Amino acid sequence: MNSTTPLRAVIADDERLMREQLRARLAEVWPELQIAAEARNGVEAVQLVEQHHPDLVFLDIRMPGMTGVEAARAIAQLPCGDETGDGWAGCEVVFITAYDEYAIEAFEQGAADYVLKPAERERLAVTAERIRRRMAQRVAGEGPALGGMQQMLQRLAQHMNPGAAPKLKWIQATVGQSIQMIPVEDVLFFISDEKYTRVQTATIEALIRKPIKELVEELDAELFWQIHRSTLVNVKAITGVSRDLRGRQLVSVKGHPEKLEVSRSFTGLFKGM
């Protein structure tokens, strides 16, 4: 994204009238914003974000099938805007919601924004200004990190679905010719390539056939931070953060010499470093 490129958005709501109203209100308060596509549910929203790479997405928080929260967690794993490669960045998320005290409290923390139903011009204008400011901060490397977004989404998901499966405690991984059960708290970091995910402890290097986007769903977001599209790190294992000659942040972990690169979208996790 740059200052001359119009921002693009996807709108997702299972109610057609709500989509039309939001599109009309956005045209009034944010005329330069381009609506790339509209989705009728969370699954369509994820597909359209993957297809169009918008800069932001408006998600109804409660949709049948895949909820807005579940869609947001999937979308957080996708590149958006014109950022690719090492500069990978995720979408800004704006939730469309009826009043929910817990949700509003979470949104006010700054990791995401919200629009109350029905969308009112004055509140939407405030939301638009907040999003523009936050996106400008992200371009400058000063905005909220996506890691904070993931933690917020995990708490929201637990609030909306208290009967959900507990977080992963063990990793069943291939070590040489054998299968081992590795306690999650022993894992220093996970790094994925196109086919496998490497599981690294202080003494073991193992492989699993599970992508990072699935691990993000299954692991405790308070314990494992995503610092790159392909990397999750155990917060308790972090010993320091440094910068290389190109200005990239590198995370050091105890018990292992490898340094883990932090992509630009997650540099806010280590503000002040």
C-alpha atoms as a PDB file:
ATOM      1  CA  MET A   1       0.000   0.000   0.000  1.00  0.00           C
ATOM      2  CA  ASN A   2       1.189   3.546  -0.721  1.00  0.00           C
ATOM      3  CA  SER A   3      -0.326   6.996  -0.345  1.00  0.00           C
ATOM      4  CA  THR A   4      -1.511   7.169  -3.985  1.00  0.00           C
ATOM      5  CA  THR A   5      -3.148   3.747  -4.211  1.00  0.00           C
ATOM      6  CA  PRO A   6      -6.868   3.703  -3.311  1.00  0.00           C
ATOM      7  CA  LEU A   7      -7.697   1.384  -0.443  1.00  0.00           C
ATOM      8  CA  ARG A   8      -9.872  -1.637  -1.268  1.00  0.00           C
ATOM      9  CA  ALA A   9     -12.325  -3.488   0.958  1.00  0.00           C
ATOM     10  CA  VAL A  10     -14.467  -6.611   1.115  1.00  0.00           C
ATOM     11  CA  ILE A  11     -17.844  -6.519   2.902  1.00  0.00           C
ATOM     12  CA  ALA A  12     -19.215  -9.722   4.483  1.00  0.00           C
ATOM     13  CA  ASP A  13     -22.715  -9.955   5.972  1.00  0.00           C
ATOM     14  CA  ASP A  14     -25.377 -12.625   5.575  1.00  0.00           C
ATOM     15  CA  GLU A  15     -28.063  -9.913   5.299  1.00  0.00           C
ATOM     16  CA  ARG A  16     -28.217  -8.309   1.847  1.00  0.00           C
ATOM     17  CA  LEU A  17     -29.853  -5.107   3.150  1.00  0.00           C
ATOM     18  CA  MET A  18     -27.047  -4.649   5.688  1.00  0.00           C
ATOM     19  CA  ARG A  19     -24.428  -5.014   2.945  1.00  0.00           C
ATOM     20  CA  GLU A  20     -26.233  -2.466   0.783  1.00  0.00           C
ATOM     21  CA  GLN A  21     -26.634  -0.019   3.671  1.00  0.00           C
ATOM     22  CA  LEU A  22     -22.970  -0.284   4.663  1.00  0.00           C
ATOM     23  CA  ARG A  23     -21.839   0.197   1.056  1.00  0.00           C
ATOM     24  CA  ALA A  24     -24.034   3.318   0.766  1.00  0.00           C
ATOM     25  CA  ARG A  25     -22.812   4.787   4.071  1.00  0.00           C
ATOM     26  CA  LEU A  26     -19.180   4.106   3.162  1.00  0.00           C
ATOM     27  CA  ALA A  27     -19.688   5.921  -0.154  1.00  0.00           C
ATOM     28  CA  GLU A  28     -20.788   8.967   1.871  1.00  0.00           C
ATOM     29  CA  VAL A  29     -18.058   9.050   4.522  1.00  0.00           C
ATOM     30  CA  TRP A  30     -15.182   7.392   2.638  1.00  0.00           C
ATOM     31  CA  PRO A  31     -15.801   7.932  -1.104  1.00  0.00           C
ATOM     32  CA  GLU A  32     -12.249   7.010  -2.131  1.00  0.00           C
ATOM     33  CA  LEU A  33     -12.576   3.520  -0.612  1.00  0.00           C
ATOM     34  CA  GLN A  34     -13.185   0.886  -3.289  1.00  0.00           C
ATOM     35  CA  ILE A  35     -15.455  -2.077  -2.495  1.00  0.00           C
ATOM     36  CA  ALA A  36     -13.769  -4.994  -4.248  1.00  0.00           C
ATOM     37  CA  ALA A  37     -16.418  -7.623  -3.448  1.00  0.00           C
ATOM     38  CA  GLU A  38     -19.270  -8.634  -1.124  1.00  0.00           C
ATOM     39  CA  ALA A  39     -19.612 -11.946   0.713  1.00  0.00           C
ATOM     40  CA  ARG A  40     -22.736 -13.601   2.122  1.00  0.00           C
ATOM     41  CA  ASN A  41     -20.922 -15.654   4.759  1.00  0.00           C
ATOM     42  CA  GLY A  42     -17.573 -16.238   6.404  1.00  0.00           C
ATOM     43  CA  VAL A  43     -16.387 -18.887   3.956  1.00  0.00           C
ATOM     44  CA  GLU A  44     -17.045 -16.564   1.001  1.00  0.00           C
ATOM     45  CA  ALA A  45     -15.269 -13.756   2.850  1.00  0.00           C
ATOM     46  CA  VAL A  46     -12.081 -15.801   3.215  1.00  0.00           C
ATOM     47  CA  GLN A  47     -12.242 -16.855  -0.447  1.00  0.00           C
ATOM     48  CA  LEU A  48     -12.760 -13.277  -1.649  1.00  0.00           C
ATOM     49  CA  VAL A  49      -9.916 -11.926   0.497  1.00  0.00           C
ATOM     50  CA  GLU A  50      -7.641 -14.613  -0.942  1.00  0.00           C
ATOM     51  CA  GLN A  51      -8.783 -13.655  -4.448  1.00  0.00           C
ATOM     52  CA  HIS A  52      -8.760  -9.844  -4.225  1.00  0.00           C
ATOM     53  CA  HIS A  53      -6.111  -9.093  -1.531  1.00  0.00           C
ATOM     54  CA  PRO A  54      -8.017  -6.093  -0.112  1.00  0.00           C
ATOM     55  CA  ASP A  55      -6.575  -3.710   2.449  1.00  0.00           C
ATOM     56  CA  LEU A  56      -9.459  -4.144   4.870  1.00  0.00           C
ATOM     57  CA  VAL A  57     -12.492  -6.321   5.406  1.00  0.00           C
ATOM     58  CA  PHE A  58     -15.834  -5.588   7.081  1.00  0.00           C
ATOM     59  CA  LEU A  59     -17.095  -8.772   8.797  1.00  0.00           C
ATOM     60  CA  ASP A  60     -20.451  -9.434  10.421  1.00  0.00           C
ATOM     61  CA  ILE A  61     -19.382 -10.966  13.730  1.00  0.00           C
ATOM     62  CA  ARG A  62     -22.235 -13.512  13.754  1.00  0.00           C
ATOM     63  CA  MET A  63     -22.818 -15.367  10.487  1.00  0.00           C
ATOM     64  CA  PRO A  64     -24.108 -18.928  10.017  1.00  0.00           C
ATOM     65  CA  GLY A  65     -21.485 -21.595   9.429  1.00  0.00           C
ATOM     66  CA  MET A  66     -18.195 -19.737   9.764  1.00  0.00           C
ATOM     67  CA  THR A  67     -18.586 -16.741  12.096  1.00  0.00           C
ATOM     68  CA  GLY A  68     -16.906 -13.398  11.516  1.00  0.00           C
ATOM     69  CA  VAL A  69     -14.418 -14.202  14.277  1.00  0.00           C
ATOM     70  CA  GLU A  70     -13.498 -17.527  12.654  1.00  0.00           C
ATOM     71  CA  ALA A  71     -13.238 -15.830   9.260  1.00  0.00           C
ATOM     72  CA  ALA A  72     -11.002 -13.119  10.736  1.00  0.00           C
ATOM     73  CA  ARG A  73      -8.627 -15.726  12.147  1.00  0.00           C
ATOM     74  CA  ALA A  74      -8.365 -17.356   8.724  1.00  0.00           C
ATOM     75  CA  ILE A  75      -7.977 -14.008   6.964  1.00  0.00           C
ATOM     76  CA  ALA A  76      -5.160 -13.061   9.343  1.00  0.00           C
ATOM     77  CA  GLN A  77      -3.092 -15.780   7.640  1.00  0.00           C
ATOM     78  CA  LEU A  78      -3.564 -14.263   4.165  1.00  0.00           C
ATOM     79  CA  PRO A  79      -1.501 -11.506   2.485  1.00  0.00           C
ATOM     80  CA  CYS A  80      -3.537  -8.385   1.803  1.00  0.00           C
ATOM     81  CA  GLY A  81      -3.149  -5.150  -0.109  1.00  0.00           C
ATOM     82  CA  ASP A  82      -0.038  -5.035  -2.289  1.00  0.00           C
ATOM     83  CA  GLU A  83       2.268  -6.462   0.390  1.00  0.00           C
ATOM     84  CA  THR A  84       3.920  -9.782  -0.482  1.00  0.00           C
ATOM     85  CA  GLY A  85       7.030 -11.765   0.374  1.00  0.00           C
ATOM     86  CA  ASP A  86       8.973 -10.640   3.442  1.00  0.00           C
ATOM     87  CA  GLY A  87       6.775  -7.567   3.724  1.00  0.00           C
ATOM     88  CA  TRP A  88       3.641  -9.699   4.100  1.00  0.00           C
ATOM     89  CA  ALA A  89       0.844  -7.904   5.874  1.00  0.00           C
ATOM     90  CA  GLY A  90      -2.642  -8.882   6.937  1.00  0.00           C
ATOM     91  CA  CYS A  91      -5.913  -7.040   6.446  1.00  0.00           C
ATOM     92  CA  GLU A  92      -7.365  -4.481   8.775  1.00  0.00           C
ATOM     93  CA  VAL A  93     -10.554  -5.971  10.212  1.00  0.00           C
ATOM     94  CA  VAL A  94     -13.749  -4.098  11.042  1.00  0.00           C
ATOM     95  CA  PHE A  95     -16.482  -6.114  12.727  1.00  0.00           C
ATOM     96  CA  ILE A  96     -20.144  -5.398  12.041  1.00  0.00           C
ATOM     97  CA  THR A  97     -22.019  -6.177  15.227  1.00  0.00           C
ATOM     98  CA  ALA A  98     -25.141  -5.682  17.278  1.00  0.00           C
ATOM     99  CA  TYR A  99     -24.310  -4.379  20.749  1.00  0.00           C
ATOM    100  CA  ASP A 100     -22.254  -6.867  22.756  1.00  0.00           C
ATOM    101  CA  GLU A 101     -20.521  -5.451  25.812  1.00  0.00           C
ATOM    102  CA  TYR A 102     -17.703  -7.997  25.796  1.00  0.00           C
ATOM    103  CA  ALA A 103     -17.017  -7.546  22.079  1.00  0.00           C
ATOM    104  CA  ILE A 104     -17.074  -3.747  22.236  1.00  0.00           C
ATOM    105  CA  GLU A 105     -14.624  -3.827  25.154  1.00  0.00           C
ATOM    106  CA  ALA A 106     -12.280  -6.026  23.109  1.00  0.00           C
ATOM    107  CA  PHE A 107     -12.496  -3.758  20.049  1.00  0.00           C
ATOM    108  CA  GLU A 108     -11.796  -0.650  22.096  1.00  0.00           C
ATOM    109  CA  GLN A 109      -8.362  -2.085  22.932  1.00  0.00           C
ATOM    110  CA  GLY A 110      -7.338  -1.032  19.419  1.00  0.00           C
ATOM    111  CA  ALA A 111      -6.536  -4.353  17.739  1.00  0.00           C
ATOM    112  CA  ALA A 112      -9.635  -4.084  15.543  1.00  0.00           C
ATOM    113  CA  ASP A 113     -12.514  -1.713  14.936  1.00  0.00           C
ATOM    114  CA  TYR A 114     -16.258  -2.160  14.784  1.00  0.00           C
ATOM    115  CA  VAL A 115     -19.472  -0.804  13.277  1.00  0.00           C
ATOM    116  CA  LEU A 116     -22.737  -1.119  15.180  1.00  0.00           C
ATOM    117  CA  LYS A 117     -25.876  -2.254  13.349  1.00  0.00           C
ATOM    118  CA  PRO A 118     -27.475  -0.357  11.747  1.00  0.00           C
ATOM    119  CA  ALA A 119     -24.453   1.543  10.419  1.00  0.00           C
ATOM    120  CA  GLU A 120     -24.832   5.238  11.251  1.00  0.00           C
ATOM    121  CA  ARG A 121     -23.033   7.899   9.269  1.00  0.00           C
ATOM    122  CA  GLU A 122     -21.446   9.646  12.272  1.00  0.00           C
ATOM    123  CA  ARG A 123     -20.048   6.476  13.876  1.00  0.00           C
ATOM    124  CA  LEU A 124     -18.875   5.141  10.533  1.00  0.00           C
ATOM    125  CA  ALA A 125     -17.002   8.398   9.877  1.00  0.00           C
ATOM    126  CA  VAL A 126     -15.173   7.934  13.197  1.00  0.00           C
ATOM    127  CA  THR A 127     -14.380   4.331  12.283  1.00  0.00           C
ATOM    128  CA  ALA A 128     -13.059   5.353   8.857  1.00  0.00           C
ATOM    129  CA  GLU A 129     -10.754   7.940  10.405  1.00  0.00           C
ATOM    130  CA  ARG A 130      -9.433   5.435  12.954  1.00  0.00           C
ATOM    131  CA  ILE A 131      -8.739   2.885  10.228  1.00  0.00           C
ATOM    132  CA  ARG A 132      -6.912   5.414   8.044  1.00  0.00           C
ATOM    133  CA  ARG A 133      -4.778   6.446  10.994  1.00  0.00           C
ATOM    134  CA  ARG A 134      -4.014   2.868  12.014  1.00  0.00           C
ATOM    135  CA  MET A 135      -3.108   1.858   8.460  1.00  0.00           C
ATOM    136  CA  ALA A 136      -0.773   4.851   8.168  1.00  0.00           C
ATOM    137  CA  GLN A 137       0.864   3.737  11.408  1.00  0.00           C
ATOM    138  CA  ARG A 138       1.264   0.195  10.080  1.00  0.00           C
ATOM    139  CA  VAL A 139       2.988   1.470   6.931  1.00  0.00           C
ATOM    140  CA  ALA A 140       5.388   3.338   9.228  1.00  0.00           C
ATOM    141  CA  GLY A 141       5.865   0.205  11.355  1.00  0.00           C
ATOM    142  CA  GLU A 142       4.177   1.799  14.367  1.00  0.00           C
ATOM    143  CA  GLY A 143       0.703   0.267  14.376  1.00  0.00           C
ATOM    144  CA  PRO A 144      -0.768  -2.567  16.447  1.00  0.00           C
ATOM    145  CA  ALA A 145       0.754  -5.953  15.687  1.00  0.00           C
ATOM    146  CA  LEU A 146      -1.251  -8.785  14.173  1.00  0.00           C
ATOM    147  CA  GLY A 147      -0.231 -10.875  17.165  1.00  0.00           C
ATOM    148  CA  GLY A 148      -2.415  -8.657  19.340  1.00  0.00           C
ATOM    149  CA  MET A 149      -5.254  -9.196  16.905  1.00  0.00           C
ATOM    150  CA  GLN A 150      -4.908 -12.980  17.172  1.00  0.00           C
ATOM    151  CA  GLN A 151      -5.035 -12.908  20.961  1.00  0.00           C
ATOM    152  CA  MET A 152      -8.156 -10.733  20.847  1.00  0.00           C
ATOM    153  CA  LEU A 153      -9.813 -13.046  18.303  1.00  0.00           C
ATOM    154  CA  GLN A 154      -9.038 -16.102  20.417  1.00  0.00           C
ATOM    155  CA  ARG A 155     -10.677 -14.488  23.453  1.00  0.00           C
ATOM    156  CA  LEU A 156     -13.700 -13.479  21.365  1.00  0.00           C
ATOM    157  CA  ALA A 157     -14.008 -17.009  19.971  1.00  0.00           C
ATOM    158  CA  GLN A 158     -13.960 -18.465  23.486  1.00  0.00           C
ATOM    159  CA  HIS A 159     -16.591 -15.933  24.573  1.00  0.00           C
ATOM    160  CA  MET A 160     -18.880 -16.781  21.647  1.00  0.00           C
ATOM    161  CA  ASN A 161     -18.279 -20.544  21.866  1.00  0.00           C
ATOM    162  CA  PRO A 162     -17.419 -21.478  25.469  1.00  0.00           C
ATOM    163  CA  GLY A 163     -17.753 -25.195  24.659  1.00  0.00           C
ATOM    164  CA  ALA A 164     -14.927 -25.133  22.084  1.00  0.00           C
ATOM    165  CA  ALA A 165     -12.144 -27.719  22.225  1.00  0.00           C
ATOM    166  CA  PRO A 166      -9.333 -26.996  24.716  1.00  0.00           C
ATOM    167  CA  LYS A 167      -5.996 -25.735  23.445  1.00  0.00           C
ATOM    168  CA  LEU A 168      -3.376 -28.171  22.173  1.00  0.00           C
ATOM    169  CA  LYS A 169      -1.194 -29.704  24.910  1.00  0.00           C
ATOM    170  CA  TRP A 170       0.849 -32.273  22.962  1.00  0.00           C
ATOM    171  CA  ILE A 171       2.420 -32.436  19.498  1.00  0.00           C
ATOM    172  CA  GLN A 172       2.641 -35.831  17.802  1.00  0.00           C
ATOM    173  CA  ALA A 173       5.680 -35.474  15.543  1.00  0.00           C
ATOM    174  CA  THR A 174       8.074 -37.542  13.437  1.00  0.00           C
ATOM    175  CA  VAL A 175      11.612 -37.715  14.822  1.00  0.00           C
ATOM    176  CA  GLY A 176      13.830 -39.826  12.565  1.00  0.00           C
ATOM    177  CA  GLN A 177      12.007 -43.137  12.111  1.00  0.00           C
ATOM    178  CA  SER A 178       9.825 -42.813  15.216  1.00  0.00           C
ATOM    179  CA  ILE A 179       6.776 -40.875  16.412  1.00  0.00           C
ATOM    180  CA  GLN A 180       7.171 -38.862  19.601  1.00  0.00           C
ATOM    181  CA  MET A 181       4.718 -37.001  21.817  1.00  0.00           C
ATOM    182  CA  ILE A 182       6.177 -33.558  22.546  1.00  0.00           C
ATOM    183  CA  PRO A 183       4.667 -31.344  25.273  1.00  0.00           C
ATOM    184  CA  VAL A 184       3.644 -28.017  23.733  1.00  0.00           C
ATOM    185  CA  GLU A 185       5.396 -26.039  26.477  1.00  0.00           C
ATOM    186  CA  ASP A 186       8.717 -27.656  25.441  1.00  0.00           C
ATOM    187  CA  VAL A 187       8.475 -26.306  21.878  1.00  0.00           C
ATOM    188  CA  LEU A 188      10.708 -23.279  21.236  1.00  0.00           C
ATOM    189  CA  PHE A 189       9.244 -22.452  17.833  1.00  0.00           C
ATOM    190  CA  PHE A 190       7.403 -23.765  14.776  1.00  0.00           C
ATOM    191  CA  ILE A 191       8.562 -22.931  11.221  1.00  0.00           C
ATOM    192  CA  SER A 192       6.600 -24.010   8.138  1.00  0.00           C
ATOM    193  CA  ASP A 193       7.536 -24.538   4.531  1.00  0.00           C
ATOM    194  CA  GLU A 194       5.110 -25.527   1.785  1.00  0.00           C
ATOM    195  CA  LYS A 195       4.708 -29.123   2.955  1.00  0.00           C
ATOM    196  CA  TYR A 196       5.902 -29.586   6.529  1.00  0.00           C
ATOM    197  CA  THR A 197       6.153 -27.665   9.784  1.00  0.00           C
ATOM    198  CA  ARG A 198       9.348 -27.984  11.778  1.00  0.00           C
ATOM    199  CA  VAL A 199       8.907 -28.393  15.532  1.00  0.00           C
ATOM    200  CA  GLN A 200      11.985 -27.249  17.453  1.00  0.00           C
ATOM    201  CA  THR A 201      12.689 -27.941  21.119  1.00  0.00           C
ATOM    202  CA  ALA A 202      15.986 -27.473  22.950  1.00  0.00           C
ATOM    203  CA  THR A 203      16.936 -31.081  22.143  1.00  0.00           C
ATOM    204  CA  ILE A 204      14.674 -32.279  19.327  1.00  0.00           C
ATOM    205  CA  GLU A 205      13.944 -31.225  15.745  1.00  0.00           C
ATOM    206  CA  ALA A 206      10.776 -32.878  14.446  1.00  0.00           C
ATOM    207  CA  LEU A 207       8.355 -32.560  11.522  1.00  0.00           C
ATOM    208  CA  ILE A 208       4.556 -32.483  11.372  1.00  0.00           C
ATOM    209  CA  ARG A 209       2.103 -32.186   8.489  1.00  0.00           C
ATOM    210  CA  LYS A 210       0.181 -29.265   9.948  1.00  0.00           C
ATOM    211  CA  PRO A 211       0.400 -25.714   8.554  1.00  0.00           C
ATOM    212  CA  ILE A 212       0.919 -22.643  10.708  1.00  0.00           C
ATOM    213  CA  LYS A 213      -2.631 -21.426  10.056  1.00  0.00           C
ATOM    214  CA  GLU A 214      -3.986 -24.553  11.773  1.00  0.00           C
ATOM    215  CA  LEU A 215      -1.546 -24.297  14.677  1.00  0.00           C
ATOM    216  CA  VAL A 216      -2.619 -20.690  15.246  1.00  0.00           C
ATOM    217  CA  GLU A 217      -6.163 -21.989  15.760  1.00  0.00           C
ATOM    218  CA  GLU A 218      -5.118 -24.800  18.110  1.00  0.00           C
ATOM    219  CA  LEU A 219      -2.412 -23.205  20.276  1.00  0.00           C
ATOM    220  CA  ASP A 220      -2.815 -20.731  23.129  1.00  0.00           C
ATOM    221  CA  ALA A 221      -2.244 -17.265  21.600  1.00  0.00           C
ATOM    222  CA  GLU A 222      -0.948 -16.016  24.946  1.00  0.00           C
ATOM    223  CA  LEU A 223       1.874 -18.599  24.866  1.00  0.00           C
ATOM    224  CA  PHE A 224       2.718 -18.761  21.154  1.00  0.00           C
ATOM    225  CA  TRP A 225       3.075 -15.535  19.177  1.00  0.00           C
ATOM    226  CA  GLN A 226       3.050 -15.508  15.411  1.00  0.00           C
ATOM    227  CA  ILE A 227       5.990 -13.348  14.311  1.00  0.00           C
ATOM    228  CA  HIS A 228       5.989 -14.232  10.614  1.00  0.00           C
ATOM    229  CA  ARG A 229       3.648 -15.825   8.120  1.00  0.00           C
ATOM    230  CA  SER A 230       5.539 -19.090   8.623  1.00  0.00           C
ATOM    231  CA  THR A 231       6.726 -18.800  12.248  1.00  0.00           C
ATOM    232  CA  LEU A 232       5.288 -19.200  15.745  1.00  0.00           C
ATOM    233  CA  VAL A 233       7.514 -18.695  18.792  1.00  0.00           C
ATOM    234  CA  ASN A 234       7.071 -19.674  22.435  1.00  0.00           C
ATOM    235  CA  VAL A 235       6.932 -16.366  24.340  1.00  0.00           C
ATOM    236  CA  LYS A 236       8.591 -17.938  27.383  1.00  0.00           C
ATOM    237  CA  ALA A 237      11.571 -18.989  25.221  1.00  0.00           C
ATOM    238  CA  ILE A 238      12.346 -15.490  23.878  1.00  0.00           C
ATOM    239  CA  THR A 239      15.629 -14.131  25.235  1.00  0.00           C
ATOM    240  CA  GLY A 240      15.951 -10.983  23.125  1.00  0.00           C
ATOM    241  CA  VAL A 241      15.212  -9.107  19.929  1.00  0.00           C
ATOM    242  CA  SER A 242      17.897  -7.518  17.744  1.00  0.00           C
ATOM    243  CA  ARG A 243      18.096  -5.873  14.319  1.00  0.00           C
ATOM    244  CA  ASP A 244      20.222  -6.908  11.364  1.00  0.00           C
ATOM    245  CA  LEU A 245      21.921  -4.566   8.880  1.00  0.00           C
ATOM    246  CA  ARG A 246      18.688  -4.334   6.860  1.00  0.00           C
ATOM    247  CA  GLY A 247      16.748  -3.199   9.919  1.00  0.00           C
ATOM    248  CA  ARG A 248      14.786  -6.440  10.295  1.00  0.00           C
ATOM    249  CA  GLN A 249      13.925  -7.627  13.792  1.00  0.00           C
ATOM    250  CA  LEU A 250      15.411 -10.997  14.772  1.00  0.00           C
ATOM    251  CA  VAL A 251      14.198 -12.997  17.774  1.00  0.00           C
ATOM    252  CA  SER A 252      16.655 -15.046  19.849  1.00  0.00           C
ATOM    253  CA  VAL A 253      15.400 -18.062  21.812  1.00  0.00           C
ATOM    254  CA  LYS A 254      17.019 -19.863  24.708  1.00  0.00           C
ATOM    255  CA  GLY A 255      18.549 -23.225  23.995  1.00  0.00           C
ATOM    256  CA  HIS A 256      18.945 -22.711  20.246  1.00  0.00           C
ATOM    257  CA  PRO A 257      21.349 -20.610  18.110  1.00  0.00           C
ATOM    258  CA  GLU A 258      18.887 -19.857  15.278  1.00  0.00           C
ATOM    259  CA  LYS A 259      17.471 -16.328  15.021  1.00  0.00           C
ATOM    260  CA  LEU A 260      13.875 -15.951  13.847  1.00  0.00           C
ATOM    261  CA  GLU A 261      12.883 -13.139  11.501  1.00  0.00           C
ATOM    262  CA  VAL A 262       9.935 -10.911  12.435  1.00  0.00           C
ATOM    263  CA  SER A 263       7.888  -9.802   9.429  1.00  0.00           C
ATOM    264  CA  ARG A 264       6.820  -6.168   9.235  1.00  0.00           C
ATOM    265  CA  SER A 265       3.226  -6.855  10.253  1.00  0.00           C
ATOM    266  CA  PHE A 266       4.366  -8.212  13.624  1.00  0.00           C
ATOM    267  CA  THR A 267       7.074  -5.724  14.562  1.00  0.00           C
ATOM    268  CA  GLY A 268       4.619  -3.992  16.912  1.00  0.00           C
ATOM    269  CA  LEU A 269       4.891  -6.998  19.218  1.00  0.00           C
ATOM    270  CA  PHE A 270       8.336  -5.731  20.186  1.00  0.00           C
ATOM    271  CA  LYS A 271       7.843  -1.973  20.353  1.00  0.00           C
ATOM    272  CA  GLY A 272      10.827  -0.101  21.685  1.00  0.00           C
ATOM    273  CA  MET A 273      13.334  -2.711  20.447  1.00  0.00           C
END
